[in-house]
């Protein structure tokens, strides 16, 4: 049932008490305010005060609806994922960021190169490949020479991922490029199969 239980309860209240609720409507829930309006209207008819309160409530509701629509529109603008079958399937920036952080920047570079192949950016692919190799080699050398801890090595990986997603992606693919999300499962399996032998070689070879 949708019945307002406040209506019967408010029958015992004085006009002054009900008017106080309307005057301080922000402190009360919607049903309490609605019941106050109904009881006062039954007693005194539709007064100017009641009409003013009703107009204020309606204006507040409309304002809230407009704000909600704006939030939805802004969210849509920020999201570049689409279901349009005419758009290419790409690995998202988030996936590239995670692969770079977990494995190394070169892995993220490979994913971005795939994206560039799908968007016909041959020039960008070469630049990303060169960057991925040089950055990964430089990271390994610095970590080895300075004997840096793993958590600091992750910072290098995240920095590399940031360059891939915020510079190369935005420059060659486009910051607001619409695309369909490609599955990360296959690249993850391949990456694990590549990394495991390397780790085993380091452990048993050292």
N, C-alpha and C. Protein backbone atom coordinates (compact mmCIF):
# COMPACT_ATOMS: atom_id res chain seq x y z
N UNK A 1 0.84 -1.21 0.00
CA UNK A 1 0.00 0.00 0.00
C UNK A 1 0.87 1.26 0.00
N UNK A 2 0.39 2.31 -0.67
CA UNK A 2 1.14 3.53 -0.77
C UNK A 2 0.54 4.63 0.11
N UNK A 3 -0.29 4.26 1.04
CA UNK A 3 -1.02 5.21 1.86
C UNK A 3 -0.07 5.97 2.78
N UNK A 4 -0.32 7.26 2.90
CA UNK A 4 0.53 8.10 3.75
C UNK A 4 0.05 8.00 5.20
N UNK A 5 0.82 7.33 6.04
CA UNK A 5 0.42 7.10 7.43
C UNK A 5 0.44 8.38 8.25
N UNK A 6 1.10 9.42 7.75
CA UNK A 6 1.19 10.68 8.50
C UNK A 6 -0.12 11.45 8.49
N UNK A 7 -0.97 11.20 7.48
CA UNK A 7 -2.21 11.99 7.36
C UNK A 7 -3.09 11.82 8.60
N UNK A 8 -3.32 10.56 8.98
CA UNK A 8 -4.15 10.31 10.17
C UNK A 8 -3.46 10.82 11.43
N UNK A 9 -2.17 10.63 11.51
CA UNK A 9 -1.40 11.06 12.68
C UNK A 9 -1.42 12.57 12.85
N UNK A 10 -1.39 13.29 11.74
CA UNK A 10 -1.31 14.75 11.79
C UNK A 10 -2.66 15.42 12.02
N UNK A 11 -3.74 14.64 12.03
CA UNK A 11 -5.06 15.22 12.28
C UNK A 11 -5.14 15.87 13.66
N UNK A 12 -4.34 15.38 14.59
CA UNK A 12 -4.38 15.91 15.97
C UNK A 12 -3.47 17.12 16.14
N UNK A 13 -2.67 17.44 15.14
CA UNK A 13 -1.76 18.58 15.25
C UNK A 13 -2.51 19.89 14.98
N UNK A 14 -2.03 20.95 15.58
CA UNK A 14 -2.62 22.26 15.35
C UNK A 14 -2.12 22.83 14.01
N UNK A 15 -2.80 23.87 13.55
CA UNK A 15 -2.37 24.52 12.32
C UNK A 15 -0.95 25.05 12.45
N UNK A 16 -0.65 25.59 13.61
CA UNK A 16 0.69 26.15 13.84
C UNK A 16 1.76 25.08 13.72
N UNK A 17 1.48 23.90 14.26
CA UNK A 17 2.44 22.80 14.20
C UNK A 17 2.66 22.32 12.75
N UNK A 18 1.56 22.27 12.01
CA UNK A 18 1.66 21.84 10.61
C UNK A 18 2.39 22.89 9.77
N UNK A 19 2.10 24.16 10.05
CA UNK A 19 2.77 25.24 9.32
C UNK A 19 4.27 25.27 9.64
N UNK A 20 4.61 24.89 10.86
CA UNK A 20 6.02 24.82 11.25
C UNK A 20 6.74 23.76 10.40
N UNK A 21 6.06 22.63 10.18
CA UNK A 21 6.65 21.56 9.36
C UNK A 21 6.90 22.06 7.94
N UNK A 22 5.91 22.81 7.41
CA UNK A 22 6.08 23.33 6.05
C UNK A 22 7.19 24.38 5.98
N UNK A 23 7.28 25.19 7.03
CA UNK A 23 8.32 26.22 7.06
C UNK A 23 9.71 25.62 7.14
N UNK A 24 9.81 24.46 7.79
CA UNK A 24 11.09 23.77 7.96
C UNK A 24 11.09 22.43 7.23
N UNK A 25 10.53 22.42 6.04
CA UNK A 25 10.32 21.17 5.29
C UNK A 25 11.61 20.41 4.99
N UNK A 26 12.74 21.12 4.98
CA UNK A 26 14.02 20.45 4.71
C UNK A 26 14.38 19.45 5.80
N UNK A 27 13.81 19.65 6.99
CA UNK A 27 14.12 18.78 8.13
C UNK A 27 13.22 17.54 8.20
N UNK A 28 12.18 17.50 7.37
CA UNK A 28 11.22 16.42 7.43
C UNK A 28 11.21 15.63 6.11
N UNK A 29 10.73 14.38 6.21
CA UNK A 29 10.68 13.58 4.98
C UNK A 29 9.50 14.01 4.10
N UNK A 30 9.51 13.54 2.88
CA UNK A 30 8.54 13.97 1.87
C UNK A 30 7.10 13.67 2.26
N UNK A 31 6.87 12.50 2.88
CA UNK A 31 5.51 12.12 3.25
C UNK A 31 4.95 12.99 4.37
N UNK A 32 5.81 13.39 5.31
CA UNK A 32 5.38 14.25 6.42
C UNK A 32 4.97 15.62 5.88
N UNK A 33 5.73 16.14 4.95
CA UNK A 33 5.42 17.44 4.35
C UNK A 33 4.12 17.35 3.54
N UNK A 34 4.00 16.25 2.77
CA UNK A 34 2.80 16.05 1.96
C UNK A 34 1.55 15.94 2.83
N UNK A 35 1.66 15.23 3.95
CA UNK A 35 0.53 15.08 4.87
C UNK A 35 0.15 16.42 5.48
N UNK A 36 1.13 17.22 5.83
CA UNK A 36 0.87 18.55 6.41
C UNK A 36 0.10 19.42 5.42
N UNK A 37 0.51 19.38 4.16
CA UNK A 37 -0.19 20.16 3.12
C UNK A 37 -1.62 19.69 2.99
N UNK A 38 -1.84 18.36 2.96
CA UNK A 38 -3.18 17.81 2.77
C UNK A 38 -4.11 18.16 3.94
N UNK A 39 -3.61 18.01 5.15
CA UNK A 39 -4.44 18.30 6.33
C UNK A 39 -4.80 19.78 6.40
N UNK A 40 -3.81 20.64 6.16
CA UNK A 40 -4.07 22.09 6.19
C UNK A 40 -5.04 22.49 5.07
N UNK A 41 -4.92 21.87 3.92
CA UNK A 41 -5.82 22.18 2.80
C UNK A 41 -7.25 21.77 3.12
N UNK A 42 -7.40 20.60 3.75
CA UNK A 42 -8.74 20.13 4.15
C UNK A 42 -9.37 21.08 5.16
N UNK A 43 -8.56 21.67 6.02
CA UNK A 43 -9.08 22.55 7.07
C UNK A 43 -9.36 23.96 6.55
N UNK A 44 -8.42 24.51 5.77
CA UNK A 44 -8.50 25.93 5.42
C UNK A 44 -8.59 26.20 3.92
N UNK A 45 -8.60 25.12 3.10
CA UNK A 45 -8.58 25.33 1.67
C UNK A 45 -7.16 25.63 1.18
N UNK A 46 -7.03 25.86 -0.11
CA UNK A 46 -5.71 26.11 -0.71
C UNK A 46 -5.32 27.56 -0.48
N UNK A 47 -4.44 27.78 0.49
CA UNK A 47 -3.98 29.13 0.81
C UNK A 47 -2.73 29.47 0.00
N UNK A 48 -2.37 30.76 0.07
CA UNK A 48 -1.18 31.24 -0.65
C UNK A 48 0.08 30.57 -0.11
N UNK A 49 0.13 30.38 1.22
CA UNK A 49 1.30 29.75 1.84
C UNK A 49 1.48 28.32 1.32
N UNK A 50 0.38 27.60 1.26
CA UNK A 50 0.44 26.20 0.79
C UNK A 50 0.88 26.15 -0.68
N UNK A 51 0.32 27.04 -1.51
CA UNK A 51 0.70 27.07 -2.92
C UNK A 51 2.19 27.38 -3.09
N UNK A 52 2.68 28.30 -2.24
CA UNK A 52 4.10 28.65 -2.28
C UNK A 52 4.98 27.45 -1.95
N UNK A 53 4.57 26.73 -0.91
CA UNK A 53 5.33 25.54 -0.49
C UNK A 53 5.31 24.48 -1.59
N UNK A 54 4.13 24.26 -2.18
CA UNK A 54 4.00 23.27 -3.26
C UNK A 54 4.88 23.64 -4.46
N UNK A 55 4.90 24.93 -4.77
CA UNK A 55 5.74 25.39 -5.88
C UNK A 55 7.23 25.18 -5.58
N UNK A 56 7.61 25.44 -4.33
CA UNK A 56 9.01 25.25 -3.93
C UNK A 56 9.40 23.78 -4.01
N UNK A 57 8.48 22.90 -3.57
CA UNK A 57 8.74 21.45 -3.62
C UNK A 57 8.87 20.99 -5.06
N UNK A 58 7.98 21.45 -5.93
CA UNK A 58 8.01 21.07 -7.34
C UNK A 58 9.29 21.57 -8.02
N UNK A 59 9.69 22.80 -7.67
CA UNK A 59 10.92 23.37 -8.24
C UNK A 59 12.14 22.57 -7.81
N UNK A 60 12.14 22.14 -6.54
CA UNK A 60 13.25 21.35 -6.03
C UNK A 60 13.34 20.00 -6.73
N UNK A 61 12.17 19.38 -6.99
CA UNK A 61 12.13 18.10 -7.70
C UNK A 61 12.66 18.24 -9.13
N UNK A 62 12.22 19.30 -9.80
CA UNK A 62 12.66 19.53 -11.18
C UNK A 62 14.16 19.80 -11.24
N UNK A 63 14.66 20.54 -10.25
CA UNK A 63 16.10 20.83 -10.18
C UNK A 63 16.89 19.55 -9.99
N UNK A 64 16.38 18.67 -9.14
CA UNK A 64 17.05 17.39 -8.88
C UNK A 64 17.09 16.53 -10.14
N UNK A 65 15.97 16.52 -10.88
CA UNK A 65 15.90 15.75 -12.12
C UNK A 65 16.92 16.27 -13.13
N UNK A 66 17.00 17.61 -13.25
CA UNK A 66 17.96 18.23 -14.17
C UNK A 66 19.39 17.87 -13.78
N UNK A 67 19.68 17.91 -12.48
CA UNK A 67 21.02 17.57 -12.01
C UNK A 67 21.37 16.11 -12.30
N UNK A 68 20.38 15.22 -12.10
CA UNK A 68 20.59 13.80 -12.38
C UNK A 68 20.86 13.57 -13.87
N UNK A 69 20.13 14.28 -14.72
CA UNK A 69 20.34 14.16 -16.16
C UNK A 69 21.73 14.63 -16.55
N UNK A 70 22.19 15.71 -15.91
CA UNK A 70 23.52 16.24 -16.19
C UNK A 70 24.60 15.24 -15.81
N UNK A 71 24.40 14.59 -14.66
CA UNK A 71 25.36 13.58 -14.20
C UNK A 71 25.44 12.43 -15.20
N UNK A 72 24.26 11.99 -15.66
CA UNK A 72 24.21 10.89 -16.64
C UNK A 72 24.91 11.29 -17.94
N UNK A 73 24.64 12.51 -18.40
CA UNK A 73 25.24 13.00 -19.65
C UNK A 73 26.75 13.12 -19.53
N UNK A 74 27.22 13.63 -18.37
CA UNK A 74 28.65 13.78 -18.14
C UNK A 74 29.33 12.41 -18.10
N UNK A 75 28.64 11.44 -17.48
CA UNK A 75 29.18 10.08 -17.41
C UNK A 75 29.32 9.49 -18.80
N UNK A 76 28.31 9.72 -19.64
CA UNK A 76 28.34 9.21 -21.01
C UNK A 76 29.48 9.85 -21.79
N UNK A 77 29.70 11.15 -21.56
CA UNK A 77 30.76 11.85 -22.27
C UNK A 77 32.14 11.31 -21.92
N UNK A 78 32.29 10.94 -20.63
CA UNK A 78 33.58 10.46 -20.16
C UNK A 78 33.85 9.02 -20.58
N UNK A 79 32.79 8.29 -20.92
CA UNK A 79 32.95 6.90 -21.31
C UNK A 79 33.00 6.80 -22.82
N UNK A 80 34.06 6.18 -23.33
CA UNK A 80 34.23 6.06 -24.77
C UNK A 80 33.93 4.65 -25.26
N UNK A 81 33.39 3.82 -24.36
CA UNK A 81 33.00 2.47 -24.75
C UNK A 81 31.65 2.52 -25.46
N UNK A 82 31.48 1.68 -26.47
CA UNK A 82 30.24 1.66 -27.21
C UNK A 82 29.93 0.24 -27.66
N UNK A 83 28.68 0.00 -28.03
CA UNK A 83 28.27 -1.30 -28.56
C UNK A 83 28.15 -1.26 -30.08
N UNK A 84 28.53 -0.15 -30.67
CA UNK A 84 28.44 0.01 -32.11
C UNK A 84 29.33 -1.01 -32.82
N UNK A 85 28.76 -1.93 -33.61
CA UNK A 85 29.56 -2.97 -34.29
C UNK A 85 30.52 -2.42 -35.33
N UNK A 86 30.34 -1.16 -35.71
CA UNK A 86 31.21 -0.55 -36.71
C UNK A 86 32.51 0.00 -36.11
N UNK A 87 32.58 0.03 -34.79
CA UNK A 87 33.79 0.52 -34.13
C UNK A 87 34.73 -0.64 -33.85
N UNK A 88 36.04 -0.39 -33.81
CA UNK A 88 37.01 -1.47 -33.58
C UNK A 88 37.03 -1.95 -32.13
N UNK A 89 37.45 -3.18 -31.93
CA UNK A 89 37.64 -3.72 -30.58
C UNK A 89 39.06 -3.38 -30.13
N UNK A 90 39.16 -2.68 -29.03
CA UNK A 90 40.47 -2.28 -28.52
C UNK A 90 40.64 -2.70 -27.06
N UNK A 91 41.91 -2.86 -26.66
CA UNK A 91 42.21 -3.06 -25.25
C UNK A 91 42.12 -1.69 -24.56
N UNK A 92 41.40 -1.61 -23.46
CA UNK A 92 41.18 -0.33 -22.80
C UNK A 92 42.45 0.20 -22.15
N UNK A 93 42.42 1.47 -21.81
CA UNK A 93 43.55 2.08 -21.11
C UNK A 93 43.82 1.39 -19.77
N UNK A 94 42.74 0.99 -19.12
CA UNK A 94 42.88 0.31 -17.83
C UNK A 94 43.62 -1.01 -17.98
N UNK A 95 43.30 -1.77 -19.03
CA UNK A 95 43.96 -3.06 -19.28
C UNK A 95 45.44 -2.83 -19.58
N UNK A 96 45.73 -1.84 -20.41
CA UNK A 96 47.12 -1.53 -20.73
C UNK A 96 47.89 -1.13 -19.48
N UNK A 97 47.25 -0.36 -18.64
CA UNK A 97 47.86 0.08 -17.38
C UNK A 97 48.18 -1.12 -16.49
N UNK A 98 47.25 -2.05 -16.35
CA UNK A 98 47.44 -3.22 -15.49
C UNK A 98 48.52 -4.16 -16.03
N UNK A 99 48.50 -4.39 -17.34
CA UNK A 99 49.52 -5.27 -17.94
C UNK A 99 50.91 -4.67 -17.77
N UNK A 100 51.00 -3.36 -17.94
CA UNK A 100 52.30 -2.69 -17.78
C UNK A 100 52.79 -2.79 -16.35
N UNK A 101 51.86 -2.64 -15.39
CA UNK A 101 52.24 -2.67 -13.99
C UNK A 101 52.61 -4.08 -13.53
N UNK A 102 51.82 -5.07 -13.94
CA UNK A 102 52.03 -6.45 -13.48
C UNK A 102 53.21 -7.11 -14.17
N UNK A 103 53.31 -6.94 -15.49
CA UNK A 103 54.36 -7.62 -16.25
C UNK A 103 55.53 -6.66 -16.51
N UNK A 104 55.32 -5.70 -17.39
CA UNK A 104 56.30 -4.64 -17.65
C UNK A 104 55.74 -3.75 -18.74
N UNK A 105 56.39 -2.62 -18.96
CA UNK A 105 55.89 -1.65 -19.93
C UNK A 105 55.81 -2.22 -21.34
N UNK A 106 56.71 -3.12 -21.69
CA UNK A 106 56.71 -3.68 -23.04
C UNK A 106 55.42 -4.46 -23.32
N UNK A 107 54.87 -5.09 -22.29
CA UNK A 107 53.61 -5.83 -22.46
C UNK A 107 52.47 -4.87 -22.76
N UNK A 108 52.46 -3.74 -22.03
CA UNK A 108 51.44 -2.72 -22.31
C UNK A 108 51.62 -2.13 -23.68
N UNK A 109 52.88 -1.97 -24.09
CA UNK A 109 53.18 -1.42 -25.42
C UNK A 109 52.64 -2.34 -26.52
N UNK A 110 52.77 -3.65 -26.32
CA UNK A 110 52.28 -4.61 -27.31
C UNK A 110 50.76 -4.48 -27.46
N UNK A 111 50.06 -4.32 -26.35
CA UNK A 111 48.60 -4.17 -26.40
C UNK A 111 48.23 -2.88 -27.13
N UNK A 112 48.96 -1.82 -26.84
CA UNK A 112 48.68 -0.55 -27.50
C UNK A 112 48.99 -0.64 -28.99
N UNK A 113 50.03 -1.39 -29.34
CA UNK A 113 50.36 -1.59 -30.75
C UNK A 113 49.23 -2.32 -31.47
N UNK A 114 48.63 -3.28 -30.79
CA UNK A 114 47.47 -3.98 -31.37
C UNK A 114 46.36 -2.98 -31.65
N UNK A 115 46.10 -2.09 -30.67
CA UNK A 115 45.06 -1.07 -30.85
C UNK A 115 45.36 -0.20 -32.06
N UNK A 116 46.62 0.16 -32.21
CA UNK A 116 47.01 1.03 -33.32
C UNK A 116 46.87 0.33 -34.66
N UNK A 117 47.09 -0.99 -34.66
CA UNK A 117 46.89 -1.76 -35.88
C UNK A 117 45.42 -1.72 -36.28
N UNK A 118 44.54 -1.82 -35.27
CA UNK A 118 43.10 -1.79 -35.53
C UNK A 118 42.63 -0.43 -36.02
N UNK A 119 43.39 0.61 -35.69
CA UNK A 119 43.00 1.97 -36.09
C UNK A 119 43.90 2.54 -37.19
N UNK A 120 44.70 1.65 -37.83
CA UNK A 120 45.56 2.03 -38.96
C UNK A 120 46.56 3.13 -38.60
N UNK A 121 47.27 2.93 -37.48
CA UNK A 121 48.30 3.89 -37.07
C UNK A 121 49.66 3.21 -37.12
N UNK A 122 50.17 3.01 -38.34
CA UNK A 122 51.46 2.32 -38.50
C UNK A 122 52.61 3.14 -37.92
N UNK A 123 52.58 4.44 -38.10
CA UNK A 123 53.63 5.31 -37.56
C UNK A 123 53.66 5.25 -36.04
N UNK A 124 52.48 5.27 -35.46
CA UNK A 124 52.37 5.20 -34.00
C UNK A 124 52.87 3.88 -33.46
N UNK A 125 52.63 2.79 -34.18
CA UNK A 125 53.06 1.46 -33.74
C UNK A 125 54.58 1.39 -33.61
N UNK A 126 55.27 1.95 -34.58
CA UNK A 126 56.74 1.92 -34.56
C UNK A 126 57.26 2.71 -33.36
N UNK A 127 56.68 3.87 -33.14
CA UNK A 127 57.11 4.72 -32.02
C UNK A 127 56.85 4.03 -30.68
N UNK A 128 55.70 3.40 -30.57
CA UNK A 128 55.36 2.71 -29.32
C UNK A 128 56.29 1.52 -29.08
N UNK A 129 56.60 0.78 -30.14
CA UNK A 129 57.51 -0.35 -30.03
C UNK A 129 58.89 0.10 -29.55
N UNK A 130 59.41 1.15 -30.17
CA UNK A 130 60.73 1.67 -29.78
C UNK A 130 60.71 2.14 -28.33
N UNK A 131 59.65 2.88 -27.97
CA UNK A 131 59.54 3.36 -26.59
C UNK A 131 59.46 2.20 -25.62
N UNK A 132 58.61 1.20 -25.93
CA UNK A 132 58.42 0.06 -25.03
C UNK A 132 59.71 -0.68 -24.77
N UNK A 133 60.49 -0.92 -25.84
CA UNK A 133 61.76 -1.65 -25.69
C UNK A 133 62.76 -0.83 -24.89
N UNK A 134 62.96 0.42 -25.29
CA UNK A 134 63.95 1.28 -24.61
C UNK A 134 63.58 1.51 -23.14
N UNK A 135 62.31 1.76 -22.89
CA UNK A 135 61.88 2.04 -21.51
C UNK A 135 62.04 0.80 -20.64
N UNK A 136 61.68 -0.37 -21.17
CA UNK A 136 61.80 -1.61 -20.40
C UNK A 136 63.26 -1.94 -20.11
N UNK A 137 64.12 -1.80 -21.13
CA UNK A 137 65.56 -2.06 -20.95
C UNK A 137 66.13 -1.09 -19.92
N UNK A 138 65.78 0.19 -20.05
CA UNK A 138 66.28 1.21 -19.12
C UNK A 138 65.82 0.91 -17.69
N UNK A 139 64.58 0.47 -17.55
CA UNK A 139 64.05 0.13 -16.22
C UNK A 139 64.82 -1.02 -15.61
N UNK A 140 65.07 -2.07 -16.41
CA UNK A 140 65.81 -3.24 -15.93
C UNK A 140 67.23 -2.85 -15.51
N UNK A 141 67.89 -2.02 -16.30
CA UNK A 141 69.26 -1.59 -16.01
C UNK A 141 69.31 -0.78 -14.72
N UNK A 142 68.38 0.17 -14.60
CA UNK A 142 68.35 1.02 -13.39
C UNK A 142 68.07 0.19 -12.15
N UNK A 143 67.10 -0.72 -12.25
CA UNK A 143 66.77 -1.57 -11.10
C UNK A 143 67.96 -2.43 -10.71
N UNK A 144 68.66 -2.96 -11.71
CA UNK A 144 69.82 -3.83 -11.44
C UNK A 144 70.97 -3.05 -10.83
N UNK A 145 71.26 -1.87 -11.38
CA UNK A 145 72.39 -1.08 -10.90
C UNK A 145 72.16 -0.53 -9.50
N UNK A 146 70.94 -0.08 -9.26
CA UNK A 146 70.63 0.55 -7.97
C UNK A 146 70.04 -0.43 -6.95
N UNK A 147 69.81 -1.67 -7.42
CA UNK A 147 69.24 -2.69 -6.53
C UNK A 147 67.92 -2.20 -5.90
N UNK A 148 67.06 -1.71 -6.77
CA UNK A 148 65.79 -1.12 -6.31
C UNK A 148 64.81 -2.21 -5.90
N UNK A 149 64.02 -1.90 -4.88
CA UNK A 149 63.03 -2.86 -4.39
C UNK A 149 61.86 -2.96 -5.38
N UNK A 150 61.11 -4.06 -5.23
CA UNK A 150 60.02 -4.35 -6.16
C UNK A 150 58.97 -3.25 -6.20
N UNK A 151 58.61 -2.69 -5.04
CA UNK A 151 57.56 -1.68 -5.01
C UNK A 151 57.96 -0.43 -5.79
N UNK A 152 59.26 -0.11 -5.81
CA UNK A 152 59.72 1.02 -6.60
C UNK A 152 59.75 0.67 -8.08
N UNK A 153 60.01 -0.59 -8.37
CA UNK A 153 59.99 -1.03 -9.77
C UNK A 153 58.59 -0.87 -10.34
N UNK A 154 57.56 -1.09 -9.51
CA UNK A 154 56.18 -0.92 -9.95
C UNK A 154 55.90 0.52 -10.35
N UNK A 155 56.55 1.45 -9.64
CA UNK A 155 56.37 2.86 -9.97
C UNK A 155 56.87 3.15 -11.38
N UNK A 156 58.02 2.54 -11.72
CA UNK A 156 58.55 2.68 -13.09
C UNK A 156 57.54 2.13 -14.10
N UNK A 157 56.94 0.98 -13.77
CA UNK A 157 55.97 0.37 -14.68
C UNK A 157 54.73 1.24 -14.85
N UNK A 158 54.25 1.79 -13.75
CA UNK A 158 53.07 2.66 -13.83
C UNK A 158 53.38 3.93 -14.61
N UNK A 159 54.59 4.45 -14.44
CA UNK A 159 54.98 5.64 -15.18
C UNK A 159 55.01 5.35 -16.68
N UNK A 160 55.57 4.19 -17.03
CA UNK A 160 55.59 3.79 -18.44
C UNK A 160 54.19 3.63 -19.00
N UNK A 161 53.30 3.03 -18.19
CA UNK A 161 51.91 2.85 -18.61
C UNK A 161 51.22 4.19 -18.82
N UNK A 162 51.54 5.14 -17.94
CA UNK A 162 50.95 6.47 -18.06
C UNK A 162 51.35 7.13 -19.37
N UNK A 163 52.61 6.97 -19.77
CA UNK A 163 53.08 7.53 -21.04
C UNK A 163 52.36 6.86 -22.22
N UNK A 164 52.19 5.54 -22.12
CA UNK A 164 51.51 4.81 -23.19
C UNK A 164 50.07 5.27 -23.35
N UNK A 165 49.34 5.35 -22.23
CA UNK A 165 47.91 5.63 -22.30
C UNK A 165 47.56 7.11 -22.44
N UNK A 166 48.37 7.97 -21.84
CA UNK A 166 48.03 9.39 -21.85
C UNK A 166 48.77 10.19 -22.91
N UNK A 167 49.85 9.65 -23.45
CA UNK A 167 50.56 10.36 -24.51
C UNK A 167 50.35 9.67 -25.86
N UNK A 168 50.85 8.43 -25.98
CA UNK A 168 50.77 7.74 -27.26
C UNK A 168 49.33 7.46 -27.68
N UNK A 169 48.50 6.98 -26.76
CA UNK A 169 47.10 6.71 -27.09
C UNK A 169 46.42 8.00 -27.55
N UNK A 170 46.52 9.05 -26.75
CA UNK A 170 45.84 10.31 -27.07
C UNK A 170 46.36 10.92 -28.37
N UNK A 171 47.64 10.75 -28.65
CA UNK A 171 48.23 11.34 -29.84
C UNK A 171 47.84 10.59 -31.12
N UNK A 172 47.90 9.27 -31.10
CA UNK A 172 47.71 8.50 -32.32
C UNK A 172 46.30 7.90 -32.48
N UNK A 173 45.65 7.58 -31.38
CA UNK A 173 44.29 7.02 -31.48
C UNK A 173 43.25 8.11 -31.25
N UNK A 174 43.50 8.95 -30.28
CA UNK A 174 42.57 10.03 -29.98
C UNK A 174 41.98 9.88 -28.60
N UNK A 175 41.97 10.96 -27.85
CA UNK A 175 41.50 10.93 -26.46
C UNK A 175 40.04 10.52 -26.35
N UNK A 176 39.22 10.89 -27.33
CA UNK A 176 37.78 10.62 -27.26
C UNK A 176 37.35 9.60 -28.32
N UNK A 177 38.25 8.73 -28.69
CA UNK A 177 37.96 7.73 -29.71
C UNK A 177 36.99 6.68 -29.17
N UNK A 178 35.91 6.41 -29.90
CA UNK A 178 34.92 5.43 -29.49
C UNK A 178 35.34 4.03 -29.93
N UNK A 179 35.21 3.06 -29.01
CA UNK A 179 35.62 1.70 -29.35
C UNK A 179 34.85 0.68 -28.51
N UNK A 180 34.89 -0.57 -28.99
CA UNK A 180 34.33 -1.68 -28.21
C UNK A 180 35.44 -2.32 -27.38
N UNK A 181 35.09 -2.80 -26.22
CA UNK A 181 36.08 -3.36 -25.31
C UNK A 181 36.47 -4.77 -25.73
N UNK A 182 37.79 -5.00 -25.87
CA UNK A 182 38.30 -6.31 -26.24
C UNK A 182 38.67 -7.11 -24.99
N UNK A 183 38.46 -8.41 -25.04
CA UNK A 183 38.77 -9.27 -23.89
C UNK A 183 40.27 -9.26 -23.59
N UNK A 184 40.59 -9.27 -22.30
CA UNK A 184 41.99 -9.26 -21.86
C UNK A 184 42.50 -10.68 -21.56
N UNK A 185 41.63 -11.68 -21.64
CA UNK A 185 41.97 -13.05 -21.21
C UNK A 185 43.12 -13.64 -22.03
N UNK A 186 43.00 -13.59 -23.37
CA UNK A 186 44.02 -14.19 -24.23
C UNK A 186 45.39 -13.53 -24.02
N UNK A 187 45.48 -12.19 -24.02
CA UNK A 187 46.77 -11.55 -23.75
C UNK A 187 47.34 -11.92 -22.38
N UNK A 188 46.45 -12.09 -21.39
CA UNK A 188 46.91 -12.45 -20.05
C UNK A 188 47.55 -13.83 -20.05
N UNK A 189 46.92 -14.78 -20.73
CA UNK A 189 47.46 -16.15 -20.80
C UNK A 189 48.83 -16.15 -21.49
N UNK A 190 48.90 -15.43 -22.62
CA UNK A 190 50.17 -15.35 -23.36
C UNK A 190 51.25 -14.70 -22.50
N UNK A 191 50.89 -13.64 -21.81
CA UNK A 191 51.87 -12.93 -20.97
C UNK A 191 52.40 -13.82 -19.86
N UNK A 192 51.50 -14.58 -19.23
CA UNK A 192 51.91 -15.50 -18.16
C UNK A 192 52.85 -16.58 -18.70
N UNK A 193 52.52 -17.11 -19.88
CA UNK A 193 53.36 -18.15 -20.49
C UNK A 193 54.75 -17.62 -20.85
N UNK A 194 54.85 -16.34 -21.16
CA UNK A 194 56.14 -15.73 -21.46
C UNK A 194 56.93 -15.46 -20.19
N UNK A 195 56.24 -14.97 -19.17
CA UNK A 195 56.90 -14.56 -17.93
C UNK A 195 57.39 -15.74 -17.10
N UNK A 196 56.62 -16.81 -17.04
CA UNK A 196 56.99 -17.95 -16.19
C UNK A 196 58.37 -18.51 -16.54
N UNK A 197 58.68 -18.80 -17.80
CA UNK A 197 60.03 -19.31 -18.11
C UNK A 197 61.14 -18.34 -17.71
N UNK A 198 60.86 -17.05 -17.85
CA UNK A 198 61.87 -16.03 -17.48
C UNK A 198 62.14 -16.08 -15.99
N UNK A 199 61.08 -16.17 -15.20
CA UNK A 199 61.24 -16.24 -13.75
C UNK A 199 61.98 -17.53 -13.35
N UNK A 200 61.61 -18.62 -14.00
CA UNK A 200 62.26 -19.90 -13.68
C UNK A 200 63.74 -19.84 -14.03
N UNK A 201 64.07 -19.20 -15.14
CA UNK A 201 65.46 -19.06 -15.55
C UNK A 201 66.25 -18.23 -14.56
N UNK A 202 65.60 -17.18 -14.05
CA UNK A 202 66.26 -16.30 -13.07
C UNK A 202 66.48 -17.04 -11.75
N UNK A 203 65.47 -17.79 -11.31
CA UNK A 203 65.55 -18.50 -10.03
C UNK A 203 66.59 -19.63 -10.07
N UNK A 204 66.49 -20.48 -11.09
CA UNK A 204 67.37 -21.64 -11.14
C UNK A 204 68.72 -21.33 -11.82
N UNK A 205 68.73 -20.27 -12.58
CA UNK A 205 69.98 -19.90 -13.25
C UNK A 205 70.89 -19.06 -12.37
N UNK A 206 70.25 -18.38 -11.38
CA UNK A 206 71.05 -17.53 -10.48
C UNK A 206 71.63 -18.34 -9.37
